[in-house]
């Protein structure tokens, strides 16, 4: 299905903003997307009309329970899971720290966790913490800085009889590289280990299917796919039920509630479900999952087209160094680059003066930037979202190619 970008853009009030007289072009989606009107309205409706705590015998409490149940179903459809396998939390980082501690309680000193150099540190630091606290050994799999891809031989050789978990990213938030996490999960399971997938950067661009991946856990964040600041964890039902999770004694014991420490962000959970429904409305089909599949097919095709235009346009400037895999390789529409003679921080500041909002630095993928050797200013990152137009891509290209070196 072809995506009507103009129709999509009409849902995003943020796109009416002007900066120095220029309409703002948001290329900062990899750090957090803009939000459609329907998502904000769903959150306002909850807060104005249904706001309460859960599990009590009066209408607004029952309405809150029902709203959370509907949200679990929406996110289950989004990930192709069961609602009982959907956990909500503050963000992916917090959820992963929580999960890591629960898993670590069941492991022994000398057991091993594998992480990768390609990952955001939200999928490294939690495992480093339990390595320190429980005597777990951490193995780091290298990336190839030339290709921006994982070293698969190094990954396969990292497993041992003591490996308990592989923590791996589905897509690099710095370079856009998509990693075959289904193949990685198969390697982990063959070694008797679990597989945790960080899908934060993947989920806005490729529809997640946890049954196809056959992972044990997967985390993503709604604010990367047009929702509010809420994290989502998928965990296989039997694993969520058995985890030695830190919790209050009176709190529910059944999964998934047992994973959700304290009172949750109810309005954010409602907004996350509304974001899924917004994405589903971009496609056609007999049910929400079918509409999501159809809509994401169109989003991926449009993102790939814009990425190629951006890659080829920037590549014409001899000062620009592009990092990561080429457009025809599995990747998201996120591009990372540097401009010779202009620090990355200065590049994004000067783009912002033209109403073009992009990011610079290491994006918490610090190891990636270190391996690329680009220096303390890091990379310039520009990501295409569902609302990115061809005109905006051309504005970004022009902003770089006409930028004078220091």
Protein backbone atom coordinates (compact mmCIF):
# COMPACT_ATOMS: atom_id res chain seq x y z
CA UNK A 1 0.00 0.00 0.00
CA UNK A 2 1.35 3.44 -0.96
CA UNK A 3 1.69 5.89 1.91
CA UNK A 4 0.08 9.34 1.58
CA UNK A 5 2.66 11.46 3.41
CA UNK A 6 0.63 14.67 3.04
CA UNK A 7 -2.36 13.01 4.73
CA UNK A 8 -0.14 11.67 7.51
CA UNK A 9 1.41 15.08 8.12
CA UNK A 10 -2.02 16.58 8.78
CA UNK A 11 -2.20 14.51 12.00
CA UNK A 12 0.90 16.14 13.53
CA UNK A 13 0.40 19.64 14.98
CA UNK A 14 4.14 19.93 15.63
CA UNK A 15 4.71 20.26 11.89
CA UNK A 16 3.12 23.71 11.90
CA UNK A 17 5.98 25.11 14.00
CA UNK A 18 8.19 27.79 12.45
CA UNK A 19 11.79 28.52 13.41
CA UNK A 20 13.39 31.70 12.04
CA UNK A 21 10.52 31.81 9.56
CA UNK A 22 11.14 28.27 8.28
CA UNK A 23 8.81 25.31 8.81
CA UNK A 24 10.52 22.85 11.15
CA UNK A 25 11.68 19.57 9.60
CA UNK A 26 12.06 16.98 12.34
CA UNK A 27 14.91 14.56 11.61
CA UNK A 28 15.30 13.75 15.31
CA UNK A 29 12.88 10.79 15.24
CA UNK A 30 15.53 8.22 16.30
CA UNK A 31 15.66 10.10 19.60
CA UNK A 32 11.88 10.49 19.84
CA UNK A 33 9.16 11.10 17.26
CA UNK A 34 6.46 13.74 17.14
CA UNK A 35 2.98 12.72 18.28
CA UNK A 36 -0.28 12.69 16.29
CA UNK A 37 -3.31 14.56 17.59
CA UNK A 38 -5.28 11.35 18.29
CA UNK A 39 -2.64 10.13 20.75
CA UNK A 40 -2.76 13.33 22.79
CA UNK A 41 -6.57 13.35 22.69
CA UNK A 42 -6.71 9.78 24.01
CA UNK A 43 -4.47 10.72 26.93
CA UNK A 44 -6.50 13.85 27.68
CA UNK A 45 -9.73 11.87 27.60
CA UNK A 46 -8.33 9.37 30.07
CA UNK A 47 -7.11 12.05 32.47
CA UNK A 48 -10.27 14.16 32.23
CA UNK A 49 -12.84 11.37 32.32
CA UNK A 50 -11.44 8.09 33.66
CA UNK A 51 -8.45 8.89 35.89
CA UNK A 52 -8.13 6.52 38.88
CA UNK A 53 -5.96 3.83 40.37
CA UNK A 54 -6.59 0.21 39.50
CA UNK A 55 -8.57 -2.78 40.88
CA UNK A 56 -11.19 -0.97 42.97
CA UNK A 57 -14.98 -1.21 42.91
CA UNK A 58 -16.03 2.10 41.44
CA UNK A 59 -16.50 3.20 37.82
CA UNK A 60 -13.33 5.16 37.04
CA UNK A 61 -11.15 2.43 38.56
CA UNK A 62 -12.91 -0.25 36.52
CA UNK A 63 -12.57 1.99 33.44
CA UNK A 64 -8.84 2.28 34.10
CA UNK A 65 -8.55 -1.51 34.36
CA UNK A 66 -10.39 -1.84 31.06
CA UNK A 67 -8.21 0.80 29.38
CA UNK A 68 -5.02 -0.99 30.47
CA UNK A 69 -6.42 -4.31 29.25
CA UNK A 70 -7.22 -2.75 25.86
CA UNK A 71 -3.72 -1.32 25.71
CA UNK A 72 -2.17 -4.72 26.42
CA UNK A 73 -4.17 -6.14 23.53
CA UNK A 74 -3.08 -3.30 21.23
CA UNK A 75 0.60 -3.77 22.05
CA UNK A 76 0.19 -7.54 21.79
CA UNK A 77 -1.13 -7.03 18.26
CA UNK A 78 1.80 -4.69 17.57
CA UNK A 79 4.36 -7.32 18.60
CA UNK A 80 2.35 -10.46 17.65
CA UNK A 81 2.22 -11.60 21.26
CA UNK A 82 -0.40 -12.42 23.90
CA UNK A 83 -1.71 -9.63 26.16
CA UNK A 84 -0.43 -11.66 29.14
CA UNK A 85 3.08 -11.25 27.70
CA UNK A 86 3.01 -7.43 27.58
CA UNK A 87 4.60 -5.43 30.41
CA UNK A 88 4.56 -1.64 30.69
CA UNK A 89 7.20 0.52 32.35
CA UNK A 90 8.85 3.93 32.38
CA UNK A 91 11.07 3.27 29.34
CA UNK A 92 13.13 0.52 27.76
CA UNK A 93 16.18 1.32 29.90
CA UNK A 94 14.33 1.05 33.21
CA UNK A 95 12.52 -2.11 32.14
CA UNK A 96 15.78 -3.73 31.07
CA UNK A 97 17.48 -2.95 34.39
CA UNK A 98 14.46 -4.48 36.16
CA UNK A 99 14.50 -7.59 33.97
CA UNK A 100 18.27 -8.00 34.26
CA UNK A 101 18.12 -8.00 38.07
CA UNK A 102 15.31 -10.57 38.04
CA UNK A 103 17.27 -12.85 35.70
CA UNK A 104 20.54 -12.34 37.57
CA UNK A 105 18.98 -13.58 40.79
CA UNK A 106 18.63 -16.98 39.19
CA UNK A 107 22.16 -17.20 37.79
CA UNK A 108 25.44 -18.18 39.41
CA UNK A 109 28.80 -16.45 39.57
CA UNK A 110 30.72 -17.33 36.43
CA UNK A 111 27.61 -17.55 34.24
CA UNK A 112 27.85 -15.42 31.09
CA UNK A 113 25.87 -12.80 29.17
CA UNK A 114 26.74 -11.77 25.62
CA UNK A 115 26.29 -8.17 24.44
CA UNK A 116 27.48 -6.42 21.28
CA UNK A 117 29.44 -3.31 20.35
CA UNK A 118 26.65 -2.29 17.98
CA UNK A 119 24.14 -1.76 20.77
CA UNK A 120 22.70 1.25 22.56
CA UNK A 121 24.08 1.21 26.10
CA UNK A 122 20.57 0.62 27.48
CA UNK A 123 21.20 -2.92 26.28
CA UNK A 124 24.70 -3.03 27.76
CA UNK A 125 24.66 -1.22 31.12
CA UNK A 126 21.93 -3.39 32.75
CA UNK A 127 23.96 -6.51 32.04
CA UNK A 128 27.14 -4.80 33.21
CA UNK A 129 25.33 -4.05 36.48
CA UNK A 130 24.42 -7.66 37.16
CA UNK A 131 27.93 -8.73 36.14
CA UNK A 132 29.18 -6.50 38.94
CA UNK A 133 26.48 -7.45 41.45
CA UNK A 134 26.23 -11.20 40.85
CA UNK A 135 29.64 -12.13 39.48
CA UNK A 136 28.31 -12.70 35.96
CA UNK A 137 30.86 -12.62 33.17
CA UNK A 138 30.15 -10.28 30.26
CA UNK A 139 31.30 -11.10 26.73
CA UNK A 140 31.32 -8.31 24.12
CA UNK A 141 30.91 -9.19 20.42
CA UNK A 142 32.69 -6.81 18.06
CA UNK A 143 31.21 -4.84 15.21
CA UNK A 144 32.96 -4.22 11.92
CA UNK A 145 33.47 -0.43 11.81
CA UNK A 146 33.91 -0.50 8.04
CA UNK A 147 30.54 -2.11 7.30
CA UNK A 148 28.68 -1.07 10.44
CA UNK A 149 27.55 -4.66 10.90
CA UNK A 150 27.98 -7.30 13.57
CA UNK A 151 30.84 -9.79 13.28
CA UNK A 152 28.84 -13.00 13.03
CA UNK A 153 31.82 -15.31 13.46
CA UNK A 154 32.66 -13.51 16.69
CA UNK A 155 29.06 -13.86 17.82
CA UNK A 156 28.96 -17.60 17.23
CA UNK A 157 32.31 -18.08 18.95
CA UNK A 158 31.22 -16.11 22.02
CA UNK A 159 28.89 -18.82 23.33
CA UNK A 160 29.95 -21.37 25.91
CA UNK A 161 28.29 -23.84 28.25
CA UNK A 162 27.99 -21.01 30.80
CA UNK A 163 26.15 -18.58 28.50
CA UNK A 164 22.76 -17.71 29.95
CA UNK A 165 21.62 -14.84 27.73
CA UNK A 166 22.31 -13.03 24.47
CA UNK A 167 21.29 -9.33 24.60
CA UNK A 168 21.19 -7.97 21.07
CA UNK A 169 19.74 -5.01 19.19
CA UNK A 170 17.45 -5.45 16.21
CA UNK A 171 18.61 -2.15 14.69
CA UNK A 172 21.39 0.29 15.53
CA UNK A 173 20.04 3.65 16.65
CA UNK A 174 23.30 5.26 15.50
CA UNK A 175 23.86 3.68 12.09
CA UNK A 176 20.48 2.22 11.15
CA UNK A 177 21.96 -1.27 10.65
CA UNK A 178 19.34 -4.03 10.95
CA UNK A 179 20.65 -7.24 12.49
CA UNK A 180 19.07 -10.63 11.82
CA UNK A 181 17.89 -11.23 15.38
CA UNK A 182 15.96 -14.34 14.37
CA UNK A 183 19.23 -15.97 13.34
CA UNK A 184 20.90 -14.66 16.51
CA UNK A 185 18.12 -16.09 18.69
CA UNK A 186 18.54 -19.46 16.99
CA UNK A 187 22.27 -19.43 17.81
CA UNK A 188 21.49 -18.54 21.42
CA UNK A 189 18.88 -21.25 21.82
CA UNK A 190 21.17 -23.87 20.25
CA UNK A 191 23.65 -23.03 23.02
CA UNK A 192 20.95 -23.31 25.69
CA UNK A 193 20.77 -19.55 26.30
CA UNK A 194 17.91 -17.05 26.32
CA UNK A 195 17.66 -14.14 23.86
CA UNK A 196 16.71 -10.56 24.75
CA UNK A 197 16.09 -8.17 21.84
CA UNK A 198 16.30 -4.38 21.99
CA UNK A 199 13.79 -3.31 19.33
CA UNK A 200 13.59 0.38 20.24
CA UNK A 201 15.00 1.65 16.94
CA UNK A 202 13.58 -1.24 14.90
CA UNK A 203 9.91 -0.98 15.96
CA UNK A 204 9.10 2.36 14.26
CA UNK A 205 10.27 1.08 10.87
CA UNK A 206 9.72 -2.69 10.68
CA UNK A 207 6.76 -4.45 12.26
CA UNK A 208 7.98 -6.64 15.11
CA UNK A 209 6.96 -10.31 15.17
CA UNK A 210 8.16 -12.01 18.36
CA UNK A 211 6.78 -15.37 17.21
CA UNK A 212 8.84 -15.19 14.02
CA UNK A 213 11.97 -14.01 15.83
CA UNK A 214 11.44 -16.68 18.52
CA UNK A 215 13.06 -14.42 21.12
CA UNK A 216 12.41 -14.82 24.84
CA UNK A 217 12.21 -11.12 25.66
CA UNK A 218 11.92 -7.97 23.55
CA UNK A 219 11.68 -4.32 24.57
CA UNK A 220 10.66 -1.16 22.74
CA UNK A 221 9.56 2.40 23.56
CA UNK A 222 6.31 4.01 22.45
CA UNK A 223 7.86 7.47 22.11
CA UNK A 224 9.90 6.16 19.17
CA UNK A 225 6.72 5.15 17.29
CA UNK A 226 4.58 8.28 17.72
CA UNK A 227 3.44 7.66 21.29
CA UNK A 228 4.23 9.03 24.76
CA UNK A 229 7.18 8.18 27.00
CA UNK A 230 6.30 4.59 27.92
CA UNK A 231 8.39 1.44 27.67
CA UNK A 232 7.03 -1.95 26.59
CA UNK A 233 8.44 -5.40 27.33
CA UNK A 234 7.44 -8.67 25.74
CA UNK A 235 8.33 -11.77 27.70
CA UNK A 236 7.35 -15.35 27.05
CA UNK A 237 4.47 -16.12 29.41
CA UNK A 238 6.12 -18.93 31.31
CA UNK A 239 9.26 -16.86 31.85
CA UNK A 240 7.37 -13.82 33.17
CA UNK A 241 5.50 -16.09 35.58
CA UNK A 242 8.70 -17.63 36.94
CA UNK A 243 11.07 -14.66 37.22
CA UNK A 244 12.33 -13.79 40.69
CA UNK A 245 11.32 -10.20 40.15
CA UNK A 246 11.77 -7.48 42.82
CA UNK A 247 8.22 -6.59 43.89
CA UNK A 248 6.12 -5.50 46.84
CA UNK A 249 4.68 -8.46 48.74
CA UNK A 250 1.00 -7.33 48.42
CA UNK A 251 1.35 -6.63 44.69
CA UNK A 252 -0.19 -9.07 42.20
CA UNK A 253 1.71 -12.30 41.71
CA UNK A 254 0.34 -13.16 38.29
CA UNK A 255 2.05 -12.15 35.05
CA UNK A 256 2.33 -9.58 33.61
CA UNK A 257 1.24 -7.42 36.59
CA UNK A 258 4.00 -8.86 38.79
CA UNK A 259 6.60 -7.16 36.55
CA UNK A 260 5.02 -3.70 36.86
CA UNK A 261 6.43 -2.19 40.04
CA UNK A 262 4.24 0.52 41.58
CA UNK A 263 1.49 2.59 39.99
CA UNK A 264 1.96 2.83 36.25
CA UNK A 265 1.67 5.77 33.86
CA UNK A 266 -1.95 5.02 32.93
CA UNK A 267 -2.36 7.94 30.55
CA UNK A 268 0.91 7.00 28.84
CA UNK A 269 -0.24 3.39 28.46
CA UNK A 270 -3.48 4.62 26.89
CA UNK A 271 -1.43 6.85 24.58
CA UNK A 272 0.82 3.96 23.56
CA UNK A 273 -2.24 2.00 22.48
CA UNK A 274 -3.49 5.03 20.54
CA UNK A 275 -0.12 5.19 18.74
CA UNK A 276 -0.57 1.58 17.64
CA UNK A 277 -4.06 2.36 16.40
CA UNK A 278 -2.72 5.39 14.51
CA UNK A 279 -0.20 3.16 12.73
CA UNK A 280 -2.84 0.50 12.05
CA UNK A 281 -5.04 3.14 10.43
CA UNK A 282 -2.37 3.60 7.75
CA UNK A 283 -3.10 0.13 6.37
CA UNK A 284 -5.94 -2.12 5.31
CA UNK A 285 -7.00 -5.49 6.63
CA UNK A 286 -9.59 -7.45 8.55
CA UNK A 287 -7.99 -6.94 11.96
CA UNK A 288 -5.45 -4.67 13.65
CA UNK A 289 -2.46 -6.94 13.01
CA UNK A 290 -3.32 -7.20 9.31
CA UNK A 291 -3.69 -3.42 9.06
CA UNK A 292 -0.35 -2.96 10.80
CA UNK A 293 1.33 -5.36 8.37
CA UNK A 294 -0.10 -3.49 5.41
CA UNK A 295 0.69 -0.05 6.78
CA UNK A 296 4.26 -0.93 7.75
CA UNK A 297 4.88 -2.32 4.28
CA UNK A 298 4.08 1.11 2.87
CA UNK A 299 6.06 2.93 5.56
CA UNK A 300 9.11 0.78 4.87
CA UNK A 301 8.93 1.40 1.12
CA UNK A 302 8.61 5.16 1.62
CA UNK A 303 11.42 5.22 4.21
CA UNK A 304 13.69 3.30 1.86
CA UNK A 305 12.97 5.77 -0.95
CA UNK A 306 13.73 8.79 1.23
CA UNK A 307 16.86 7.17 2.63
CA UNK A 308 18.25 6.57 -0.85
CA UNK A 309 17.55 10.19 -1.81
CA UNK A 310 19.28 11.41 1.33
CA UNK A 311 22.24 9.02 1.00
CA UNK A 312 22.86 9.87 -2.66
CA UNK A 313 22.34 13.60 -2.14
CA UNK A 314 24.76 13.86 0.77
CA UNK A 315 27.18 11.54 -0.98
CA UNK A 316 27.69 14.11 -3.74
CA UNK A 317 29.47 16.39 -1.27
CA UNK A 318 33.12 15.25 -1.04
CA UNK A 319 33.33 16.62 2.51
CA UNK A 320 30.60 14.26 3.76
CA UNK A 321 31.59 10.87 5.19
CA UNK A 322 28.65 8.48 5.41
CA UNK A 323 28.70 5.67 7.97
CA UNK A 324 26.85 2.36 8.02
CA UNK A 325 25.43 0.07 5.40
CA UNK A 326 24.24 1.24 1.98
CA UNK A 327 20.53 1.77 1.18
CA UNK A 328 20.08 -1.65 -0.45
CA UNK A 329 21.24 -3.43 2.71
CA UNK A 330 18.76 -4.20 5.52
CA UNK A 331 18.57 -0.95 7.47
CA UNK A 332 16.27 1.74 8.81
CA UNK A 333 15.91 5.20 7.21
CA UNK A 334 18.39 6.67 9.71
CA UNK A 335 21.62 8.10 8.37
CA UNK A 336 24.83 8.99 10.22
CA UNK A 337 27.57 11.20 8.81
CA UNK A 338 30.27 13.77 9.49
CA UNK A 339 31.26 16.84 7.48
CA UNK A 340 34.98 17.44 7.04
CA UNK A 341 36.04 20.75 8.52
CA UNK A 342 32.84 21.30 10.54
CA UNK A 343 32.35 19.79 14.04
CA UNK A 344 29.15 17.75 14.29
CA UNK A 345 27.74 20.03 16.98
CA UNK A 346 28.22 23.03 14.70
CA UNK A 347 26.58 21.17 11.80
CA UNK A 348 23.34 20.56 13.72
CA UNK A 349 23.34 24.09 15.19
CA UNK A 350 23.59 25.59 11.73
CA UNK A 351 20.93 23.24 10.37
CA UNK A 352 18.63 24.27 13.22
CA UNK A 353 18.97 27.90 12.15
CA UNK A 354 17.29 26.79 8.91
CA UNK A 355 14.50 24.96 10.75
CA UNK A 356 16.09 21.51 10.26
CA UNK A 357 16.26 19.62 13.56
CA UNK A 358 18.82 16.79 13.66
CA UNK A 359 21.01 15.31 16.40
CA UNK A 360 24.71 14.85 17.06
CA UNK A 361 26.87 12.90 19.49
CA UNK A 362 26.98 9.21 20.35
CA UNK A 363 23.24 8.73 21.03
CA UNK A 364 24.15 6.40 23.93
CA UNK A 365 25.64 4.03 21.34
CA UNK A 366 29.00 5.10 22.71
CA UNK A 367 30.91 2.00 21.66
CA UNK A 368 29.84 2.43 18.03
CA UNK A 369 31.15 6.00 17.94
CA UNK A 370 34.35 4.98 19.71
CA UNK A 371 34.98 2.17 17.19
CA UNK A 372 34.36 4.57 14.28
CA UNK A 373 36.97 6.95 15.69
CA UNK A 374 35.06 10.12 14.85
CA UNK A 375 36.13 12.09 17.92
CA UNK A 376 34.35 13.74 20.82
CA UNK A 377 31.76 15.55 18.68
CA UNK A 378 30.45 12.22 17.42
CA UNK A 379 28.17 11.78 14.42
CA UNK A 380 25.42 13.83 12.85
CA UNK A 381 22.26 11.71 12.77
CA UNK A 382 19.16 12.28 10.66
CA UNK A 383 16.21 9.92 10.73
CA UNK A 384 13.19 9.80 8.45
CA UNK A 385 9.81 9.24 10.11
CA UNK A 386 6.32 8.61 8.74
CA UNK A 387 5.81 12.38 8.40
CA UNK A 388 9.10 13.13 6.61
CA UNK A 389 8.58 14.63 3.16
CA UNK A 390 10.76 14.64 0.07
CA UNK A 391 10.94 18.44 0.32
CA UNK A 392 12.37 18.13 3.85
CA UNK A 393 14.98 15.65 2.67
CA UNK A 394 16.02 18.08 -0.07
CA UNK A 395 16.20 20.90 2.49
CA UNK A 396 18.56 18.81 4.61
CA UNK A 397 20.77 17.98 1.63
CA UNK A 398 20.89 21.64 0.60
CA UNK A 399 21.63 22.68 4.18
CA UNK A 400 24.71 20.45 4.25
CA UNK A 401 26.01 20.98 0.72
CA UNK A 402 25.79 24.78 1.01
CA UNK A 403 27.30 24.88 4.50
CA UNK A 404 30.67 26.55 4.51
CA UNK A 405 33.55 24.86 6.29
CA UNK A 406 35.03 26.56 9.34
